[in-house]
């Protein structure tokens, strides 16, 4: 990926403390390949998990 390209990311909350992390969508798909709900939701539209 070049410096001018930005990967699609999903912001994932890490609990009640309010911490969060931006996770690249392609990494989520690799980590959870057998979860059809995640595959559909992440692929649905930018910002679908917000």
N, C-alpha and C. Protein backbone atom coordinates (compact mmCIF):
# COMPACT_ATOMS: atom_id res chain seq x y z
N UNK A 1 0.85 -1.16 0.00
CA UNK A 1 0.00 0.00 0.00
C UNK A 1 0.90 1.23 0.00
N UNK A 2 0.57 2.20 -0.83
CA UNK A 2 1.38 3.41 -0.89
C UNK A 2 0.99 4.35 0.24
N UNK A 3 1.78 5.39 0.42
CA UNK A 3 1.52 6.35 1.49
C UNK A 3 0.21 7.10 1.28
N UNK A 4 -0.25 7.19 0.03
CA UNK A 4 -1.47 7.92 -0.27
C UNK A 4 -2.73 7.07 -0.13
N UNK A 5 -2.58 5.76 0.02
CA UNK A 5 -3.73 4.88 0.17
C UNK A 5 -4.01 4.67 1.65
N UNK A 6 -5.28 4.51 1.96
CA UNK A 6 -5.67 4.25 3.34
C UNK A 6 -6.49 2.97 3.38
N UNK A 7 -6.11 2.05 4.24
CA UNK A 7 -6.84 0.79 4.37
C UNK A 7 -8.17 1.05 5.07
N UNK A 8 -9.20 0.27 4.70
CA UNK A 8 -10.46 0.33 5.43
C UNK A 8 -10.22 -0.24 6.81
N UNK A 9 -10.68 0.48 7.83
CA UNK A 9 -10.50 0.01 9.19
C UNK A 9 -11.84 0.00 9.90
N UNK A 10 -11.92 -0.82 10.94
CA UNK A 10 -13.09 -0.89 11.81
C UNK A 10 -12.60 -0.53 13.20
N UNK A 11 -13.32 0.35 13.88
CA UNK A 11 -12.96 0.72 15.24
C UNK A 11 -13.64 -0.27 16.18
N UNK A 12 -12.82 -0.96 16.98
CA UNK A 12 -13.31 -2.01 17.86
C UNK A 12 -13.14 -1.55 19.30
N UNK A 13 -14.23 -1.53 20.08
CA UNK A 13 -14.18 -1.18 21.49
C UNK A 13 -13.57 -2.31 22.30
N UNK A 14 -12.83 -1.94 23.34
CA UNK A 14 -12.16 -2.94 24.16
C UNK A 14 -12.70 -2.99 25.58
N UNK A 15 -13.94 -2.63 25.77
CA UNK A 15 -14.54 -2.77 27.08
C UNK A 15 -15.07 -1.46 27.63
N UNK A 16 -15.55 -1.50 28.87
CA UNK A 16 -16.21 -0.34 29.46
C UNK A 16 -15.27 0.83 29.74
N UNK A 17 -13.97 0.62 29.68
CA UNK A 17 -13.03 1.70 29.94
C UNK A 17 -12.96 2.72 28.83
N UNK A 18 -13.60 2.44 27.71
CA UNK A 18 -13.62 3.38 26.61
C UNK A 18 -12.45 3.26 25.65
N UNK A 19 -11.59 2.28 25.87
CA UNK A 19 -10.46 2.09 24.96
C UNK A 19 -10.97 1.52 23.64
N UNK A 20 -10.25 1.83 22.57
CA UNK A 20 -10.62 1.30 21.27
C UNK A 20 -9.37 1.14 20.42
N UNK A 21 -9.51 0.38 19.37
CA UNK A 21 -8.41 0.18 18.43
C UNK A 21 -8.98 0.13 17.02
N UNK A 22 -8.26 0.69 16.07
CA UNK A 22 -8.67 0.62 14.66
C UNK A 22 -8.02 -0.61 14.04
N UNK A 23 -8.84 -1.54 13.59
CA UNK A 23 -8.35 -2.80 13.04
C UNK A 23 -8.62 -2.83 11.53
N UNK A 24 -7.61 -3.10 10.71
CA UNK A 24 -7.86 -3.20 9.27
C UNK A 24 -8.88 -4.29 8.96
N UNK A 25 -9.81 -3.99 8.06
CA UNK A 25 -10.87 -4.93 7.70
C UNK A 25 -10.30 -6.25 7.19
N UNK A 26 -9.25 -6.20 6.37
CA UNK A 26 -8.70 -7.45 5.85
C UNK A 26 -8.14 -8.32 6.96
N UNK A 27 -7.63 -7.73 8.03
CA UNK A 27 -7.13 -8.51 9.16
C UNK A 27 -8.29 -9.18 9.90
N UNK A 28 -9.39 -8.46 10.09
CA UNK A 28 -10.56 -9.07 10.73
C UNK A 28 -11.05 -10.26 9.93
N UNK A 29 -11.08 -10.12 8.61
CA UNK A 29 -11.54 -11.23 7.77
C UNK A 29 -10.61 -12.43 7.88
N UNK A 30 -9.31 -12.20 8.04
CA UNK A 30 -8.36 -13.32 8.17
C UNK A 30 -8.47 -13.97 9.55
N UNK A 31 -8.67 -13.16 10.59
CA UNK A 31 -8.73 -13.68 11.96
C UNK A 31 -10.03 -14.44 12.20
N UNK A 32 -11.13 -13.98 11.62
CA UNK A 32 -12.43 -14.61 11.83
C UNK A 32 -13.02 -15.10 10.50
N UNK A 33 -12.34 -16.01 9.82
CA UNK A 33 -12.80 -16.42 8.49
C UNK A 33 -14.09 -17.23 8.50
N UNK A 34 -14.43 -17.84 9.63
CA UNK A 34 -15.61 -18.71 9.66
C UNK A 34 -16.83 -18.05 10.28
N UNK A 35 -16.76 -16.77 10.55
CA UNK A 35 -17.89 -16.06 11.15
C UNK A 35 -18.68 -15.34 10.05
N UNK A 36 -19.77 -15.95 9.54
CA UNK A 36 -20.51 -15.35 8.43
C UNK A 36 -21.10 -13.99 8.76
N UNK A 37 -21.52 -13.79 10.01
CA UNK A 37 -22.09 -12.49 10.39
C UNK A 37 -21.05 -11.39 10.27
N UNK A 38 -19.86 -11.66 10.76
CA UNK A 38 -18.79 -10.67 10.65
C UNK A 38 -18.43 -10.42 9.19
N UNK A 39 -18.33 -11.47 8.41
CA UNK A 39 -17.98 -11.32 7.00
C UNK A 39 -19.01 -10.44 6.28
N UNK A 40 -20.29 -10.67 6.54
CA UNK A 40 -21.34 -9.87 5.89
C UNK A 40 -21.32 -8.43 6.39
N UNK A 41 -21.18 -8.25 7.71
CA UNK A 41 -21.24 -6.90 8.29
C UNK A 41 -20.06 -6.06 7.87
N UNK A 42 -18.86 -6.62 7.94
CA UNK A 42 -17.66 -5.88 7.58
C UNK A 42 -17.66 -5.55 6.10
N UNK A 43 -18.21 -6.44 5.29
CA UNK A 43 -18.23 -6.20 3.86
C UNK A 43 -19.41 -5.36 3.39
N UNK A 44 -20.35 -5.06 4.29
CA UNK A 44 -21.58 -4.39 3.89
C UNK A 44 -21.37 -2.96 3.43
N UNK A 45 -20.73 -2.16 4.24
CA UNK A 45 -20.55 -0.75 3.91
C UNK A 45 -19.52 -0.14 4.86
N UNK A 46 -18.84 0.90 4.41
CA UNK A 46 -17.92 1.59 5.32
C UNK A 46 -18.67 2.10 6.55
N UNK A 47 -18.14 1.86 7.71
CA UNK A 47 -18.77 2.31 8.94
C UNK A 47 -19.90 1.45 9.43
N UNK A 48 -20.08 0.26 8.87
CA UNK A 48 -21.22 -0.58 9.24
C UNK A 48 -21.18 -1.03 10.69
N UNK A 49 -20.01 -1.11 11.29
CA UNK A 49 -19.92 -1.60 12.67
C UNK A 49 -19.88 -0.48 13.70
N UNK A 50 -20.11 0.73 13.29
CA UNK A 50 -20.05 1.84 14.26
C UNK A 50 -21.28 1.87 15.11
